[in-house]
Amino acid sequence: MRYATKAFAFVIPLLIVAARPGLSQPRWSGELTGDAAFATQTLAGADLRTGGGFGVNARYRLQPHLSAYAGWEWHLQQSTELLPEQTVDLNDTGYALGFRFEHPLVSGTAVWVRAGGLYNHIEVENEGDATHNLTIEGLDVDEDLQPGKTTDVSFDAEPGTYKFHCEYHPSKMKGTITVS
């Protein structure tokens, strides 16, 4: 099974990268990044392993040191504590957008700060042979999950904790989703 979290997370990393910033850079540019994913909280009481991911985005230079960016990011973490004797993959995927401020530090090196958001969704993969269901109480979510298929579920939610269950197996398949 694969699950992903839904959150609207603001990210402000400060990185020193090898680059040659300057006024002669083109207005449009692209970027492919790889990174590590560190869990900042548990999921349903289960610890998550450190994972990794990548992203791709396009940037448009608004001013010499300021760009707007938009793209897509994906991260994977795993847990062996969510389901008995199974490793569960947790895929965090979504659309990234924001602004990037870049300034030369020393010759050939630049410091950049990126501030923006990541709009995520829940992705549920049913690897079994039976039809399941994802019902989230209070969020008007009621999706059937067909065997061997992946279903994307998007919803708007205020921060809080929401109960979910499978309509076909409500006593065995249930839990909570926390939106922060």
C-alpha atoms as a PDB file:
ATOM      1  CA  MET A   1       0.000   0.000   0.000  1.00  0.00           C
ATOM      2  CA  ARG A   2       1.148   3.504  -0.648  1.00  0.00           C
ATOM      3  CA  TYR A   3      -0.164   6.540   1.142  1.00  0.00           C
ATOM      4  CA  ALA A   4       0.741  10.202   0.985  1.00  0.00           C
ATOM      5  CA  THR A   5       0.010  13.055   3.300  1.00  0.00           C
ATOM      6  CA  LYS A   6      -1.957  16.189   2.491  1.00  0.00           C
ATOM      7  CA  ALA A   7      -0.554  19.368   3.914  1.00  0.00           C
ATOM      8  CA  PHE A   8       0.182  22.880   2.865  1.00  0.00           C
ATOM      9  CA  ALA A   9       3.770  23.224   4.045  1.00  0.00           C
ATOM     10  CA  PHE A  10       5.830  26.376   3.865  1.00  0.00           C
ATOM     11  CA  VAL A  11       9.472  25.793   3.136  1.00  0.00           C
ATOM     12  CA  ILE A  12      12.329  28.212   3.700  1.00  0.00           C
ATOM     13  CA  PRO A  13      15.619  26.382   3.141  1.00  0.00           C
ATOM     14  CA  LEU A  14      18.884  28.292   3.111  1.00  0.00           C
ATOM     15  CA  LEU A  15      21.433  26.636   0.855  1.00  0.00           C
ATOM     16  CA  ILE A  16      24.858  27.503  -0.441  1.00  0.00           C
ATOM     17  CA  VAL A  17      25.176  26.249  -3.989  1.00  0.00           C
ATOM     18  CA  ALA A  18      27.780  26.441  -6.681  1.00  0.00           C
ATOM     19  CA  ALA A  19      26.319  28.902  -9.154  1.00  0.00           C
ATOM     20  CA  ARG A  20      27.235  31.958 -11.118  1.00  0.00           C
ATOM     21  CA  PRO A  21      24.489  34.472 -10.416  1.00  0.00           C
ATOM     22  CA  GLY A  22      24.530  37.663 -12.360  1.00  0.00           C
ATOM     23  CA  LEU A  23      22.562  40.154 -14.348  1.00  0.00           C
ATOM     24  CA  SER A  24      23.215  38.337 -17.627  1.00  0.00           C
ATOM     25  CA  GLN A  25      21.262  35.218 -16.685  1.00  0.00           C
ATOM     26  CA  PRO A  26      18.266  34.395 -18.890  1.00  0.00           C
ATOM     27  CA  ARG A  27      14.742  35.215 -17.713  1.00  0.00           C
ATOM     28  CA  TRP A  28      13.594  31.561 -17.910  1.00  0.00           C
ATOM     29  CA  SER A  29      15.434  28.606 -16.366  1.00  0.00           C
ATOM     30  CA  GLY A  30      14.730  25.094 -15.169  1.00  0.00           C
ATOM     31  CA  GLU A  31      15.936  23.122 -12.185  1.00  0.00           C
ATOM     32  CA  LEU A  32      16.027  19.433 -11.238  1.00  0.00           C
ATOM     33  CA  THR A  33      16.763  18.809  -7.553  1.00  0.00           C
ATOM     34  CA  GLY A  34      17.286  15.817  -5.287  1.00  0.00           C
ATOM     35  CA  ASP A  35      17.026  15.920  -1.521  1.00  0.00           C
ATOM     36  CA  ALA A  36      16.618  14.025   1.734  1.00  0.00           C
ATOM     37  CA  ALA A  37      13.234  13.851   3.475  1.00  0.00           C
ATOM     38  CA  PHE A  38      13.307  13.955   7.285  1.00  0.00           C
ATOM     39  CA  ALA A  39      10.128  13.234   9.250  1.00  0.00           C
ATOM     40  CA  THR A  40       9.128  16.117  11.531  1.00  0.00           C
ATOM     41  CA  GLN A  41       6.370  14.170  13.266  1.00  0.00           C
ATOM     42  CA  THR A  42       5.025  10.639  13.571  1.00  0.00           C
ATOM     43  CA  LEU A  43       2.186   9.290  11.431  1.00  0.00           C
ATOM     44  CA  ALA A  44      -0.569   7.615  13.487  1.00  0.00           C
ATOM     45  CA  GLY A  45       2.045   7.086  16.221  1.00  0.00           C
ATOM     46  CA  ALA A  46       4.488   5.355  13.870  1.00  0.00           C
ATOM     47  CA  ASP A  47       8.025   6.590  13.237  1.00  0.00           C
ATOM     48  CA  LEU A  48       9.004   7.251   9.628  1.00  0.00           C
ATOM     49  CA  ARG A  49      12.405   6.414   8.164  1.00  0.00           C
ATOM     50  CA  THR A  50      14.511   9.102   6.527  1.00  0.00           C
ATOM     51  CA  GLY A  51      13.726   9.102   2.839  1.00  0.00           C
ATOM     52  CA  GLY A  52      14.511  11.036  -0.270  1.00  0.00           C
ATOM     53  CA  GLY A  53      12.956  12.651  -3.251  1.00  0.00           C
ATOM     54  CA  PHE A  54      13.314  14.936  -6.201  1.00  0.00           C
ATOM     55  CA  GLY A  55      11.633  17.876  -7.810  1.00  0.00           C
ATOM     56  CA  VAL A  56      11.544  19.768 -11.050  1.00  0.00           C
ATOM     57  CA  ASN A  57      10.553  23.383 -11.500  1.00  0.00           C
ATOM     58  CA  ALA A  58      10.666  26.289 -13.918  1.00  0.00           C
ATOM     59  CA  ARG A  59      11.805  29.746 -12.831  1.00  0.00           C
ATOM     60  CA  TYR A  60      11.116  33.173 -14.241  1.00  0.00           C
ATOM     61  CA  ARG A  61      13.517  35.944 -13.208  1.00  0.00           C
ATOM     62  CA  LEU A  62      11.472  38.977 -12.086  1.00  0.00           C
ATOM     63  CA  GLN A  63      14.437  41.111 -10.972  1.00  0.00           C
ATOM     64  CA  PRO A  64      18.205  40.514 -10.902  1.00  0.00           C
ATOM     65  CA  HIS A  65      18.018  38.577  -7.601  1.00  0.00           C
ATOM     66  CA  LEU A  66      14.343  37.538  -7.450  1.00  0.00           C
ATOM     67  CA  SER A  67      12.615  34.709  -9.336  1.00  0.00           C
ATOM     68  CA  ALA A  68       9.184  33.096  -9.217  1.00  0.00           C
ATOM     69  CA  TYR A  69       9.089  29.307  -9.525  1.00  0.00           C
ATOM     70  CA  ALA A  70       6.495  26.583 -10.060  1.00  0.00           C
ATOM     71  CA  GLY A  71       6.929  22.851 -10.405  1.00  0.00           C
ATOM     72  CA  TRP A  72       6.356  19.410  -8.942  1.00  0.00           C
ATOM     73  CA  GLU A  73       8.008  17.560  -6.026  1.00  0.00           C
ATOM     74  CA  TRP A  74       7.958  13.939  -4.825  1.00  0.00           C
ATOM     75  CA  HIS A  75       9.298  12.432  -1.583  1.00  0.00           C
ATOM     76  CA  LEU A  76       9.286   8.856  -0.251  1.00  0.00           C
ATOM     77  CA  GLN A  77       9.498   7.685   3.341  1.00  0.00           C
ATOM     78  CA  GLN A  78       8.787   4.252   4.804  1.00  0.00           C
ATOM     79  CA  SER A  79       7.461   2.782   8.028  1.00  0.00           C
ATOM     80  CA  THR A  80       7.358  -0.768   9.364  1.00  0.00           C
ATOM     81  CA  GLU A  81       5.095   0.219  12.265  1.00  0.00           C
ATOM     82  CA  LEU A  82       1.819   1.075  10.469  1.00  0.00           C
ATOM     83  CA  LEU A  83       0.776  -2.425   9.340  1.00  0.00           C
ATOM     84  CA  PRO A  84       1.909  -5.704  10.953  1.00  0.00           C
ATOM     85  CA  GLU A  85       4.830  -7.358   9.142  1.00  0.00           C
ATOM     86  CA  GLN A  86       4.669  -4.929   6.189  1.00  0.00           C
ATOM     87  CA  THR A  87       6.735  -2.006   5.034  1.00  0.00           C
ATOM     88  CA  VAL A  88       4.439   0.843   4.008  1.00  0.00           C
ATOM     89  CA  ASP A  89       5.648   3.387   1.429  1.00  0.00           C
ATOM     90  CA  LEU A  90       4.490   6.949   2.071  1.00  0.00           C
ATOM     91  CA  ASN A  91       4.638   9.093  -1.050  1.00  0.00           C
ATOM     92  CA  ASP A  92       4.408  12.841  -0.622  1.00  0.00           C
ATOM     93  CA  THR A  93       3.805  14.465  -3.976  1.00  0.00           C
ATOM     94  CA  GLY A  94       2.471  17.835  -4.969  1.00  0.00           C
ATOM     95  CA  TYR A  95       2.771  21.108  -6.794  1.00  0.00           C
ATOM     96  CA  ALA A  96       5.413  23.548  -5.558  1.00  0.00           C
ATOM     97  CA  LEU A  97       5.316  27.289  -6.092  1.00  0.00           C
ATOM     98  CA  GLY A  98       6.887  30.380  -4.616  1.00  0.00           C
ATOM     99  CA  PHE A  99       9.699  32.892  -4.850  1.00  0.00           C
ATOM    100  CA  ARG A 100      13.480  32.490  -4.785  1.00  0.00           C
ATOM    101  CA  PHE A 101      15.934  35.196  -3.709  1.00  0.00           C
ATOM    102  CA  GLU A 102      19.496  34.591  -4.904  1.00  0.00           C
ATOM    103  CA  HIS A 103      22.547  36.709  -4.143  1.00  0.00           C
ATOM    104  CA  PRO A 104      26.280  36.268  -4.870  1.00  0.00           C
ATOM    105  CA  LEU A 105      28.315  35.342  -1.787  1.00  0.00           C
ATOM    106  CA  VAL A 106      31.848  34.979  -3.121  1.00  0.00           C
ATOM    107  CA  SER A 107      33.200  34.370  -6.591  1.00  0.00           C
ATOM    108  CA  GLY A 108      31.386  31.355  -8.113  1.00  0.00           C
ATOM    109  CA  THR A 109      29.094  30.795  -5.140  1.00  0.00           C
ATOM    110  CA  ALA A 110      25.632  32.064  -4.317  1.00  0.00           C
ATOM    111  CA  VAL A 111      23.295  31.906  -1.369  1.00  0.00           C
ATOM    112  CA  TRP A 112      19.622  31.436  -2.082  1.00  0.00           C
ATOM    113  CA  VAL A 113      16.495  31.400   0.015  1.00  0.00           C
ATOM    114  CA  ARG A 114      13.307  29.845  -1.261  1.00  0.00           C
ATOM    115  CA  ALA A 115       9.905  30.578   0.276  1.00  0.00           C
ATOM    116  CA  GLY A 116       6.736  29.013  -1.023  1.00  0.00           C
ATOM    117  CA  GLY A 117       4.242  26.266  -0.611  1.00  0.00           C
ATOM    118  CA  LEU A 118       3.561  22.685  -1.579  1.00  0.00           C
ATOM    119  CA  TYR A 119      -0.019  21.627  -2.299  1.00  0.00           C
ATOM    120  CA  ASN A 120      -0.292  17.904  -1.637  1.00  0.00           C
ATOM    121  CA  HIS A 121      -2.894  15.222  -2.017  1.00  0.00           C
ATOM    122  CA  ILE A 122      -3.448  11.695  -0.745  1.00  0.00           C
ATOM    123  CA  GLU A 123      -2.484   8.888  -3.093  1.00  0.00           C
ATOM    124  CA  VAL A 124      -3.773   5.434  -2.146  1.00  0.00           C
ATOM    125  CA  GLU A 125      -2.600   2.318  -3.997  1.00  0.00           C
ATOM    126  CA  ASN A 126      -4.685  -0.830  -3.526  1.00  0.00           C
ATOM    127  CA  GLU A 127      -2.249  -3.693  -4.189  1.00  0.00           C
ATOM    128  CA  GLY A 128      -4.695  -6.343  -2.937  1.00  0.00           C
ATOM    129  CA  ASP A 129      -7.413  -8.368  -4.655  1.00  0.00           C
ATOM    130  CA  ALA A 130     -10.406  -6.816  -2.857  1.00  0.00           C
ATOM    131  CA  THR A 131     -12.149  -3.487  -3.393  1.00  0.00           C
ATOM    132  CA  HIS A 132     -11.596  -1.047  -0.532  1.00  0.00           C
ATOM    133  CA  ASN A 133     -12.929   2.398   0.264  1.00  0.00           C
ATOM    134  CA  LEU A 134     -11.562   5.607   1.773  1.00  0.00           C
ATOM    135  CA  THR A 135     -14.128   7.618   3.715  1.00  0.00           C
ATOM    136  CA  ILE A 136     -12.910  10.672   5.653  1.00  0.00           C
ATOM    137  CA  GLU A 137     -15.459  11.899   8.148  1.00  0.00           C
ATOM    138  CA  GLY A 138     -16.233  15.627   7.975  1.00  0.00           C
ATOM    139  CA  LEU A 139     -14.448  16.182   4.643  1.00  0.00           C
ATOM    140  CA  ASP A 140     -16.973  14.802   2.142  1.00  0.00           C
ATOM    141  CA  VAL A 141     -14.490  12.142   0.944  1.00  0.00           C
ATOM    142  CA  ASP A 142     -15.907   8.748  -0.079  1.00  0.00           C
ATOM    143  CA  GLU A 143     -13.724   7.040  -2.724  1.00  0.00           C
ATOM    144  CA  ASP A 144     -13.789   3.398  -3.804  1.00  0.00           C
ATOM    145  CA  LEU A 145     -10.324   1.898  -4.308  1.00  0.00           C
ATOM    146  CA  GLN A 146     -10.255  -0.745  -7.036  1.00  0.00           C
ATOM    147  CA  PRO A 147      -7.803  -3.707  -6.823  1.00  0.00           C
ATOM    148  CA  GLY A 148      -4.458  -3.032  -8.484  1.00  0.00           C
ATOM    149  CA  LYS A 149      -5.226   0.664  -9.018  1.00  0.00           C
ATOM    150  CA  THR A 150      -3.934   3.947  -7.589  1.00  0.00           C
ATOM    151  CA  THR A 151      -6.448   6.635  -6.643  1.00  0.00           C
ATOM    152  CA  ASP A 152      -5.628  10.312  -6.024  1.00  0.00           C
ATOM    153  CA  VAL A 153      -7.768  12.030  -3.403  1.00  0.00           C
ATOM    154  CA  SER A 154      -7.694  15.819  -2.948  1.00  0.00           C
ATOM    155  CA  PHE A 155      -9.649  17.877  -0.454  1.00  0.00           C
ATOM    156  CA  ASP A 156      -9.541  21.175   1.406  1.00  0.00           C
ATOM    157  CA  ALA A 157      -9.280  20.856   5.168  1.00  0.00           C
ATOM    158  CA  GLU A 158      -8.753  23.131   8.119  1.00  0.00           C
ATOM    159  CA  PRO A 159      -5.944  22.067  10.485  1.00  0.00           C
ATOM    160  CA  GLY A 160      -7.145  19.282  12.733  1.00  0.00           C
ATOM    161  CA  THR A 161      -7.552  15.534  13.065  1.00  0.00           C
ATOM    162  CA  TYR A 162     -10.043  13.631  10.913  1.00  0.00           C
ATOM    163  CA  LYS A 163     -11.163   9.993  11.225  1.00  0.00           C
ATOM    164  CA  PHE A 164     -11.036   7.737   8.174  1.00  0.00           C
ATOM    165  CA  HIS A 165     -12.198   4.173   7.492  1.00  0.00           C
ATOM    166  CA  CYS A 166     -12.962   1.627   4.784  1.00  0.00           C
ATOM    167  CA  GLU A 167     -16.726   1.227   4.268  1.00  0.00           C
ATOM    168  CA  TYR A 168     -16.210  -2.471   3.404  1.00  0.00           C
ATOM    169  CA  HIS A 169     -13.931  -3.271   6.381  1.00  0.00           C
ATOM    170  CA  PRO A 170     -14.714  -0.555   9.011  1.00  0.00           C
ATOM    171  CA  SER A 171     -13.559  -2.506  12.064  1.00  0.00           C
ATOM    172  CA  LYS A 172     -10.136  -3.409  10.605  1.00  0.00           C
ATOM    173  CA  MET A 173      -9.237  -0.480   8.354  1.00  0.00           C
ATOM    174  CA  LYS A 174      -9.540   2.795  10.225  1.00  0.00           C
ATOM    175  CA  GLY A 175      -7.380   5.567  11.585  1.00  0.00           C
ATOM    176  CA  THR A 176      -6.876   9.307  11.700  1.00  0.00           C
ATOM    177  CA  ILE A 177      -5.375  11.910   9.366  1.00  0.00           C
ATOM    178  CA  THR A 178      -3.840  15.018  10.899  1.00  0.00           C
ATOM    179  CA  VAL A 179      -3.719  18.188   8.820  1.00  0.00           C
ATOM    180  CA  SER A 180      -1.373  20.864  10.145  1.00  0.00           C
END
